[in-house]
Amino acid sequence: MTINTTPKETPTGDGNPTAGNTINDLNFPTAERNDKAFSNLRAAFAMKGHALHRTDPADGAVTYWAERCGLVRYLPTIDTARRFLEQIGGRL
């Protein structure tokens, strides 16, 4: 018994979203790109032993704060958070 399939078939549907093309940041809405930037920044803070948090973007203006050993540092913008990461020796 043989199965009739064509060689090098690419999967379709959600099983493999990268089949035939690549995913880049331009494929996502702006809000998701900002979330990705925050996630990367949060990971960089974690590498230096800090926890980075932010307010909910749905509530209005977003503010950030870094925490370590019970001490908290208020960071009004994401740029301030990036500068603080550099001060503690982290890199993106």
PDB file of N, CA and C in Angstrom:
ATOM      1  N   MET A   1       0.847  -1.172   0.000  1.00  0.00           N
ATOM      2  CA  MET A   1       0.000   0.000   0.000  1.00  0.00           C
ATOM      3  C   MET A   1       0.892   1.234   0.000  1.00  0.00           C
ATOM      4  N   THR A   2       0.592   2.189  -0.854  1.00  0.00           N
ATOM      5  CA  THR A   2       1.381   3.404  -0.917  1.00  0.00           C
ATOM      6  C   THR A   2       0.516   4.593  -0.541  1.00  0.00           C
ATOM      7  N   ILE A   3       1.177   5.602  -0.044  1.00  0.00           N
ATOM      8  CA  ILE A   3       0.496   6.840   0.314  1.00  0.00           C
ATOM      9  C   ILE A   3       0.895   7.889  -0.699  1.00  0.00           C
ATOM     10  N   ASN A   4      -0.087   8.527  -1.302  1.00  0.00           N
ATOM     11  CA  ASN A   4       0.178   9.537  -2.311  1.00  0.00           C
ATOM     12  C   ASN A   4       0.361  10.902  -1.660  1.00  0.00           C
ATOM     13  N   THR A   5       1.606  11.310  -1.465  1.00  0.00           N
ATOM     14  CA  THR A   5       1.918  12.636  -0.955  1.00  0.00           C
ATOM     15  C   THR A   5       2.975  13.250  -1.852  1.00  0.00           C
ATOM     16  N   THR A   6       2.942  14.530  -1.944  1.00  0.00           N
ATOM     17  CA  THR A   6       3.962  15.211  -2.733  1.00  0.00           C
ATOM     18  C   THR A   6       5.183  15.459  -1.857  1.00  0.00           C
ATOM     19  N   PRO A   7       6.357  15.406  -2.416  1.00  0.00           N
ATOM     20  CA  PRO A   7       7.554  15.643  -1.608  1.00  0.00           C
ATOM     21  C   PRO A   7       7.638  17.101  -1.162  1.00  0.00           C
ATOM     22  N   LYS A   8       8.264  17.300  -0.024  1.00  0.00           N
ATOM     23  CA  LYS A   8       8.505  18.618   0.547  1.00  0.00           C
ATOM     24  C   LYS A   8       7.222  19.410   0.776  1.00  0.00           C
ATOM     25  N   GLU A   9       6.212  18.748   1.298  1.00  0.00           N
ATOM     26  CA  GLU A   9       4.987  19.472   1.638  1.00  0.00           C
ATOM     27  C   GLU A   9       5.260  20.376   2.833  1.00  0.00           C
ATOM     28  N   THR A  10       4.695  21.556   2.795  1.00  0.00           N
ATOM     29  CA  THR A  10       4.819  22.441   3.943  1.00  0.00           C
ATOM     30  C   THR A  10       3.524  22.384   4.732  1.00  0.00           C
ATOM     31  N   PRO A  11       3.630  22.371   6.038  1.00  0.00           N
ATOM     32  CA  PRO A  11       2.420  22.318   6.852  1.00  0.00           C
ATOM     33  C   PRO A  11       1.576  23.577   6.666  1.00  0.00           C
ATOM     34  N   THR A  12       0.291  23.405   6.846  1.00  0.00           N
ATOM     35  CA  THR A  12      -0.608  24.548   6.745  1.00  0.00           C
ATOM     36  C   THR A  12      -1.334  24.728   8.066  1.00  0.00           C
ATOM     37  N   GLY A  13      -1.944  25.875   8.240  1.00  0.00           N
ATOM     38  CA  GLY A  13      -2.696  26.129   9.467  1.00  0.00           C
ATOM     39  C   GLY A  13      -1.790  26.598  10.581  1.00  0.00           C
ATOM     40  N   ASP A  14      -2.258  26.483  11.815  1.00  0.00           N
ATOM     41  CA  ASP A  14      -1.526  26.983  12.973  1.00  0.00           C
ATOM     42  C   ASP A  14      -0.486  26.007  13.491  1.00  0.00           C
ATOM     43  N   GLY A  15      -0.392  24.830  12.908  1.00  0.00           N
ATOM     44  CA  GLY A  15       0.572  23.850  13.386  1.00  0.00           C
ATOM     45  C   GLY A  15       2.003  24.320  13.268  1.00  0.00           C
ATOM     46  N   ASN A  16       2.296  25.116  12.259  1.00  0.00           N
ATOM     47  CA  ASN A  16       3.644  25.637  12.048  1.00  0.00           C
ATOM     48  C   ASN A  16       3.526  27.024  11.435  1.00  0.00           C
ATOM     49  N   PRO A  17       3.411  28.060  12.263  1.00  0.00           N
ATOM     50  CA  PRO A  17       3.164  29.392  11.720  1.00  0.00           C
ATOM     51  C   PRO A  17       4.313  29.969  10.911  1.00  0.00           C
ATOM     52  N   THR A  18       5.507  29.380  11.000  1.00  0.00           N
ATOM     53  CA  THR A  18       6.637  29.936  10.255  1.00  0.00           C
ATOM     54  C   THR A  18       6.883  29.203   8.949  1.00  0.00           C
ATOM     55  N   ALA A  19       6.020  28.276   8.573  1.00  0.00           N
ATOM     56  CA  ALA A  19       6.226  27.542   7.327  1.00  0.00           C
ATOM     57  C   ALA A  19       6.132  28.498   6.138  1.00  0.00           C
ATOM     58  N   GLY A  20       7.196  28.584   5.388  1.00  0.00           N
ATOM     59  CA  GLY A  20       7.189  29.390   4.184  1.00  0.00           C
ATOM     60  C   GLY A  20       7.519  30.861   4.372  1.00  0.00           C
ATOM     61  N   ASN A  21       7.517  31.362   5.589  1.00  0.00           N
ATOM     62  CA  ASN A  21       7.876  32.761   5.815  1.00  0.00           C
ATOM     63  C   ASN A  21       8.429  32.917   7.224  1.00  0.00           C
ATOM     64  N   THR A  22       8.980  34.057   7.490  1.00  0.00           N
ATOM     65  CA  THR A  22       9.532  34.306   8.819  1.00  0.00           C
ATOM     66  C   THR A  22       8.679  35.335   9.539  1.00  0.00           C
ATOM     67  N   ILE A  23       8.744  35.299  10.842  1.00  0.00           N
ATOM     68  CA  ILE A  23       7.997  36.257  11.646  1.00  0.00           C
ATOM     69  C   ILE A  23       8.946  37.381  12.046  1.00  0.00           C
ATOM     70  N   ASN A  24       8.525  38.614  11.862  1.00  0.00           N
ATOM     71  CA  ASN A  24       9.303  39.741  12.348  1.00  0.00           C
ATOM     72  C   ASN A  24       8.381  40.670  13.123  1.00  0.00           C
ATOM     73  N   ASP A  25       8.953  41.659  13.748  1.00  0.00           N
ATOM     74  CA  ASP A  25       8.175  42.564  14.594  1.00  0.00           C
ATOM     75  C   ASP A  25       7.104  43.325  13.819  1.00  0.00           C
ATOM     76  N   LEU A  26       7.292  43.513  12.536  1.00  0.00           N
ATOM     77  CA  LEU A  26       6.329  44.283  11.768  1.00  0.00           C
ATOM     78  C   LEU A  26       5.030  43.525  11.534  1.00  0.00           C
ATOM     79  N   ASN A  27       5.031  42.212  11.815  1.00  0.00           N
ATOM     80  CA  ASN A  27       3.816  41.419  11.662  1.00  0.00           C
ATOM     81  C   ASN A  27       2.870  41.570  12.842  1.00  0.00           C
ATOM     82  N   PHE A  28       3.301  42.220  13.908  1.00  0.00           N
ATOM     83  CA  PHE A  28       2.507  42.327  15.118  1.00  0.00           C
ATOM     84  C   PHE A  28       2.059  43.765  15.337  1.00  0.00           C
ATOM     85  N   PRO A  29       0.907  43.947  15.964  1.00  0.00           N
ATOM     86  CA  PRO A  29       0.475  45.309  16.291  1.00  0.00           C
ATOM     87  C   PRO A  29       1.474  46.003  17.208  1.00  0.00           C
ATOM     88  N   THR A  30       1.436  47.308  17.209  1.00  0.00           N
ATOM     89  CA  THR A  30       2.389  48.104  17.976  1.00  0.00           C
ATOM     90  C   THR A  30       2.374  47.745  19.455  1.00  0.00           C
ATOM     91  N   ALA A  31       1.207  47.497  20.026  1.00  0.00           N
ATOM     92  CA  ALA A  31       1.125  47.176  21.451  1.00  0.00           C
ATOM     93  C   ALA A  31       1.907  45.911  21.769  1.00  0.00           C
ATOM     94  N   GLU A  32       1.872  44.923  20.884  1.00  0.00           N
ATOM     95  CA  GLU A  32       2.611  43.691  21.129  1.00  0.00           C
ATOM     96  C   GLU A  32       4.110  43.917  21.010  1.00  0.00           C
ATOM     97  N   ARG A  33       4.536  44.824  20.125  1.00  0.00           N
ATOM     98  CA  ARG A  33       5.965  45.127  20.032  1.00  0.00           C
ATOM     99  C   ARG A  33       6.448  45.800  21.305  1.00  0.00           C
ATOM    100  N   ASN A  34       5.631  46.690  21.886  1.00  0.00           N
ATOM    101  CA  ASN A  34       6.003  47.326  23.143  1.00  0.00           C
ATOM    102  C   ASN A  34       6.085  46.294  24.256  1.00  0.00           C
ATOM    103  N   ASP A  35       5.187  45.327  24.241  1.00  0.00           N
ATOM    104  CA  ASP A  35       5.217  44.274  25.244  1.00  0.00           C
ATOM    105  C   ASP A  35       6.490  43.442  25.097  1.00  0.00           C
ATOM    106  N   LYS A  36       6.912  43.213  23.867  1.00  0.00           N
ATOM    107  CA  LYS A  36       8.143  42.470  23.634  1.00  0.00           C
ATOM    108  C   LYS A  36       9.350  43.244  24.159  1.00  0.00           C
ATOM    109  N   ALA A  37       9.359  44.552  23.943  1.00  0.00           N
ATOM    110  CA  ALA A  37      10.454  45.386  24.447  1.00  0.00           C
ATOM    111  C   ALA A  37      10.507  45.324  25.965  1.00  0.00           C
ATOM    112  N   PHE A  38       9.339  45.379  26.607  1.00  0.00           N
ATOM    113  CA  PHE A  38       9.297  45.293  28.067  1.00  0.00           C
ATOM    114  C   PHE A  38       9.755  43.914  28.531  1.00  0.00           C
ATOM    115  N   SER A  39       9.336  42.867  27.843  1.00  0.00           N
ATOM    116  CA  SER A  39       9.734  41.507  28.231  1.00  0.00           C
ATOM    117  C   SER A  39      11.245  41.328  28.138  1.00  0.00           C
ATOM    118  N   ASN A  40      11.845  41.869  27.083  1.00  0.00           N
ATOM    119  CA  ASN A  40      13.303  41.788  26.948  1.00  0.00           C
ATOM    120  C   ASN A  40      14.001  42.567  28.057  1.00  0.00           C
ATOM    121  N   LEU A  41      13.468  43.738  28.381  1.00  0.00           N
ATOM    122  CA  LEU A  41      14.046  44.554  29.444  1.00  0.00           C
ATOM    123  C   LEU A  41      13.893  43.852  30.789  1.00  0.00           C
ATOM    124  N   ARG A  42      12.742  43.253  31.030  1.00  0.00           N
ATOM    125  CA  ARG A  42      12.504  42.516  32.274  1.00  0.00           C
ATOM    126  C   ARG A  42      13.497  41.354  32.408  1.00  0.00           C
ATOM    127  N   ALA A  43      13.769  40.666  31.306  1.00  0.00           N
ATOM    128  CA  ALA A  43      14.725  39.560  31.340  1.00  0.00           C
ATOM    129  C   ALA A  43      16.142  40.056  31.647  1.00  0.00           C
ATOM    130  N   ALA A  44      16.512  41.201  31.083  1.00  0.00           N
ATOM    131  CA  ALA A  44      17.839  41.771  31.352  1.00  0.00           C
ATOM    132  C   ALA A  44      17.966  42.162  32.821  1.00  0.00           C
ATOM    133  N   PHE A  45      16.908  42.705  33.405  1.00  0.00           N
ATOM    134  CA  PHE A  45      16.914  43.032  34.831  1.00  0.00           C
ATOM    135  C   PHE A  45      17.048  41.755  35.662  1.00  0.00           C
ATOM    136  N   ALA A  46      16.357  40.710  35.273  1.00  0.00           N
ATOM    137  CA  ALA A  46      16.420  39.450  36.013  1.00  0.00           C
ATOM    138  C   ALA A  46      17.833  38.872  36.000  1.00  0.00           C
ATOM    139  N   MET A  47      18.557  39.063  34.899  1.00  0.00           N
ATOM    140  CA  MET A  47      19.940  38.582  34.822  1.00  0.00           C
ATOM    141  C   MET A  47      20.841  39.292  35.842  1.00  0.00           C
ATOM    142  N   LYS A  48      20.451  40.493  36.248  1.00  0.00           N
ATOM    143  CA  LYS A  48      21.214  41.240  37.237  1.00  0.00           C
ATOM    144  C   LYS A  48      20.619  41.133  38.634  1.00  0.00           C
ATOM    145  N   GLY A  49      19.627  40.259  38.831  1.00  0.00           N
ATOM    146  CA  GLY A  49      19.070  40.031  40.157  1.00  0.00           C
ATOM    147  C   GLY A  49      17.970  40.988  40.562  1.00  0.00           C
ATOM    148  N   HIS A  50      17.439  41.748  39.625  1.00  0.00           N
ATOM    149  CA  HIS A  50      16.365  42.695  39.895  1.00  0.00           C
ATOM    150  C   HIS A  50      15.067  42.200  39.271  1.00  0.00           C
ATOM    151  N   ALA A  51      13.958  42.620  39.820  1.00  0.00           N
ATOM    152  CA  ALA A  51      12.649  42.354  39.223  1.00  0.00           C
ATOM    153  C   ALA A  51      12.109  43.672  38.686  1.00  0.00           C
ATOM    154  N   LEU A  52      11.700  43.686  37.423  1.00  0.00           N
ATOM    155  CA  LEU A  52      11.145  44.881  36.814  1.00  0.00           C
ATOM    156  C   LEU A  52       9.637  44.698  36.684  1.00  0.00           C
ATOM    157  N   HIS A  53       8.886  45.707  37.100  1.00  0.00           N
ATOM    158  CA  HIS A  53       7.424  45.679  37.044  1.00  0.00           C
ATOM    159  C   HIS A  53       6.942  46.935  36.334  1.00  0.00           C
ATOM    160  N   ARG A  54       5.675  46.893  35.894  1.00  0.00           N
ATOM    161  CA  ARG A  54       5.067  48.076  35.297  1.00  0.00           C
ATOM    162  C   ARG A  54       3.582  48.103  35.625  1.00  0.00           C
ATOM    163  N   THR A  55       3.006  49.289  35.499  1.00  0.00           N
ATOM    164  CA  THR A  55       1.566  49.405  35.681  1.00  0.00           C
ATOM    165  C   THR A  55       0.864  48.864  34.445  1.00  0.00           C
ATOM    166  N   ASP A  56      -0.412  48.596  34.559  1.00  0.00           N
ATOM    167  CA  ASP A  56      -1.185  48.052  33.454  1.00  0.00           C
ATOM    168  C   ASP A  56      -1.393  49.123  32.383  1.00  0.00           C
ATOM    169  N   PRO A  57      -0.988  48.843  31.135  1.00  0.00           N
ATOM    170  CA  PRO A  57      -1.157  49.836  30.070  1.00  0.00           C
ATOM    171  C   PRO A  57      -2.625  50.222  29.845  1.00  0.00           C
ATOM    172  N   ALA A  58      -3.554  49.356  30.198  1.00  0.00           N
ATOM    173  CA  ALA A  58      -4.976  49.669  30.018  1.00  0.00           C
ATOM    174  C   ALA A  58      -5.449  50.744  30.996  1.00  0.00           C
ATOM    175  N   ASP A  59      -4.685  50.966  32.060  1.00  0.00           N
ATOM    176  CA  ASP A  59      -5.076  51.951  33.073  1.00  0.00           C
ATOM    177  C   ASP A  59      -4.615  53.366  32.768  1.00  0.00           C
ATOM    178  N   GLY A  60      -3.859  53.552  31.710  1.00  0.00           N
ATOM    179  CA  GLY A  60      -3.376  54.892  31.360  1.00  0.00           C
ATOM    180  C   GLY A  60      -1.870  54.887  31.173  1.00  0.00           C
ATOM    181  N   ALA A  61      -1.246  55.967  31.603  1.00  0.00           N
ATOM    182  CA  ALA A  61       0.202  56.104  31.438  1.00  0.00           C
ATOM    183  C   ALA A  61       0.935  54.988  32.195  1.00  0.00           C
ATOM    184  N   VAL A  62       1.913  54.401  31.532  1.00  0.00           N
ATOM    185  CA  VAL A  62       2.661  53.293  32.115  1.00  0.00           C
ATOM    186  C   VAL A  62       3.855  53.826  32.888  1.00  0.00           C
ATOM    187  N   THR A  63       4.035  53.335  34.104  1.00  0.00           N
ATOM    188  CA  THR A  63       5.232  53.631  34.891  1.00  0.00           C
ATOM    189  C   THR A  63       5.871  52.314  35.284  1.00  0.00           C
ATOM    190  N   TYR A  64       7.136  52.364  35.621  1.00  0.00           N
ATOM    191  CA  TYR A  64       7.919  51.167  35.898  1.00  0.00           C
ATOM    192  C   TYR A  64       8.555  51.295  37.270  1.00  0.00           C
ATOM    193  N   TRP A  65       8.924  50.147  37.846  1.00  0.00           N
ATOM    194  CA  TRP A  65       9.716  50.146  39.057  1.00  0.00           C
ATOM    195  C   TRP A  65      10.534  48.869  39.111  1.00  0.00           C
ATOM    196  N   ALA A  66      11.741  49.012  39.645  1.00  0.00           N
ATOM    197  CA  ALA A  66      12.646  47.881  39.806  1.00  0.00           C
ATOM    198  C   ALA A  66      12.724  47.548  41.290  1.00  0.00           C
ATOM    199  N   GLU A  67      12.855  46.269  41.572  1.00  0.00           N
ATOM    200  CA  GLU A  67      12.866  45.813  42.961  1.00  0.00           C
ATOM    201  C   GLU A  67      13.984  44.801  43.154  1.00  0.00           C
ATOM    202  N   ARG A  68      14.651  44.920  44.300  1.00  0.00           N
ATOM    203  CA  ARG A  68      15.672  43.948  44.684  1.00  0.00           C
ATOM    204  C   ARG A  68      15.816  43.984  46.195  1.00  0.00           C
ATOM    205  N   CYS A  69      15.747  42.836  46.810  1.00  0.00           N
ATOM    206  CA  CYS A  69      15.906  42.687  48.262  1.00  0.00           C
ATOM    207  C   CYS A  69      14.959  43.611  49.034  1.00  0.00           C
ATOM    208  N   GLY A  70      13.758  43.780  48.545  1.00  0.00           N
ATOM    209  CA  GLY A  70      12.778  44.601  49.234  1.00  0.00           C
ATOM    210  C   GLY A  70      12.913  46.098  48.992  1.00  0.00           C
ATOM    211  N   LEU A  71      13.926  46.517  48.271  1.00  0.00           N
ATOM    212  CA  LEU A  71      14.103  47.929  47.936  1.00  0.00           C
ATOM    213  C   LEU A  71      13.512  48.199  46.558  1.00  0.00           C
ATOM    214  N   VAL A  72      12.848  49.313  46.411  1.00  0.00           N
ATOM    215  CA  VAL A  72      12.156  49.645  45.163  1.00  0.00           C
ATOM    216  C   VAL A  72      12.691  50.952  44.605  1.00  0.00           C
ATOM    217  N   ARG A  73      12.881  50.983  43.287  1.00  0.00           N
ATOM    218  CA  ARG A  73      13.299  52.222  42.621  1.00  0.00           C
ATOM    219  C   ARG A  73      12.258  52.560  41.568  1.00  0.00           C
ATOM    220  N   TYR A  74      11.679  53.741  41.696  1.00  0.00           N
ATOM    221  CA  TYR A  74      10.671  54.219  40.757  1.00  0.00           C
ATOM    222  C   TYR A  74      11.349  54.641  39.463  1.00  0.00           C
ATOM    223  N   LEU A  75      10.811  54.190  38.330  1.00  0.00           N
ATOM    224  CA  LEU A  75      11.342  54.529  37.015  1.00  0.00           C
ATOM    225  C   LEU A  75      10.178  55.038  36.158  1.00  0.00           C
ATOM    226  N   PRO A  76      10.080  56.332  35.939  1.00  0.00           N
ATOM    227  CA  PRO A  76       8.890  56.899  35.289  1.00  0.00           C
ATOM    228  C   PRO A  76       8.684  56.485  33.833  1.00  0.00           C
ATOM    229  N   THR A  77       9.760  56.212  33.090  1.00  0.00           N
ATOM    230  CA  THR A  77       9.620  55.839  31.676  1.00  0.00           C
ATOM    231  C   THR A  77      10.475  54.614  31.381  1.00  0.00           C
ATOM    232  N   ILE A  78      10.236  54.024  30.228  1.00  0.00           N
ATOM    233  CA  ILE A  78      11.032  52.858  29.840  1.00  0.00           C
ATOM    234  C   ILE A  78      12.476  53.268  29.547  1.00  0.00           C
ATOM    235  N   ASP A  79      12.687  54.497  29.091  1.00  0.00           N
ATOM    236  CA  ASP A  79      14.055  54.973  28.866  1.00  0.00           C
ATOM    237  C   ASP A  79      14.817  55.096  30.187  1.00  0.00           C
ATOM    238  N   THR A  80      14.133  55.545  31.226  1.00  0.00           N
ATOM    239  CA  THR A  80      14.746  55.617  32.552  1.00  0.00           C
ATOM    240  C   THR A  80      15.097  54.210  33.031  1.00  0.00           C
ATOM    241  N   ALA A  81      14.231  53.263  32.740  1.00  0.00           N
ATOM    242  CA  ALA A  81      14.504  51.870  33.124  1.00  0.00           C
ATOM    243  C   ALA A  81      15.734  51.345  32.389  1.00  0.00           C
ATOM    244  N   ARG A  82      15.875  51.689  31.112  1.00  0.00           N
ATOM    245  CA  ARG A  82      17.065  51.266  30.348  1.00  0.00           C
ATOM    246  C   ARG A  82      18.338  51.878  30.925  1.00  0.00           C
ATOM    247  N   ARG A  83      18.271  53.150  31.282  1.00  0.00           N
ATOM    248  CA  ARG A  83      19.448  53.809  31.874  1.00  0.00           C
ATOM    249  C   ARG A  83      19.812  53.174  33.210  1.00  0.00           C
ATOM    250  N   PHE A  84      18.806  52.834  34.010  1.00  0.00           N
ATOM    251  CA  PHE A  84      19.080  52.194  35.293  1.00  0.00           C
ATOM    252  C   PHE A  84      19.701  50.814  35.078  1.00  0.00           C
ATOM    253  N   LEU A  85      19.245  50.105  34.059  1.00  0.00           N
ATOM    254  CA  LEU A  85      19.844  48.806  33.738  1.00  0.00           C
ATOM    255  C   LEU A  85      21.327  48.967  33.431  1.00  0.00           C
ATOM    256  N   GLU A  86      21.683  50.005  32.693  1.00  0.00           N
ATOM    257  CA  GLU A  86      23.094  50.264  32.405  1.00  0.00           C
ATOM    258  C   GLU A  86      23.864  50.573  33.685  1.00  0.00           C
ATOM    259  N   GLN A  87      23.247  51.318  34.613  1.00  0.00           N
ATOM    260  CA  GLN A  87      23.912  51.664  35.876  1.00  0.00           C
ATOM    261  C   GLN A  87      24.226  50.423  36.717  1.00  0.00           C
ATOM    262  N   ILE A  88      23.360  49.420  36.637  1.00  0.00           N
ATOM    263  CA  ILE A  88      23.594  48.203  37.438  1.00  0.00           C
ATOM    264  C   ILE A  88      24.429  47.180  36.683  1.00  0.00           C
ATOM    265  N   GLY A  89      24.910  47.563  35.489  1.00  0.00           N
ATOM    266  CA  GLY A  89      25.817  46.694  34.737  1.00  0.00           C
ATOM    267  C   GLY A  89      25.139  45.754  33.769  1.00  0.00           C
ATOM    268  N   GLY A  90      23.875  45.975  33.476  1.00  0.00           N
ATOM    269  CA  GLY A  90      23.158  45.109  32.535  1.00  0.00           C
ATOM    270  C   GLY A  90      23.224  45.645  31.121  1.00  0.00           C
ATOM    271  N   ARG A  91      22.911  44.755  30.181  1.00  0.00           N
ATOM    272  CA  ARG A  91      22.878  45.133  28.766  1.00  0.00           C
ATOM    273  C   ARG A  91      21.693  44.453  28.097  1.00  0.00           C
ATOM    274  N   LEU A  92      21.181  45.099  27.083  1.00  0.00           N
ATOM    275  CA  LEU A  92      20.121  44.498  26.272  1.00  0.00           C
ATOM    276  C   LEU A  92      20.705  43.763  25.104  1.00  0.00           C
TER     277      LEU A  92
END
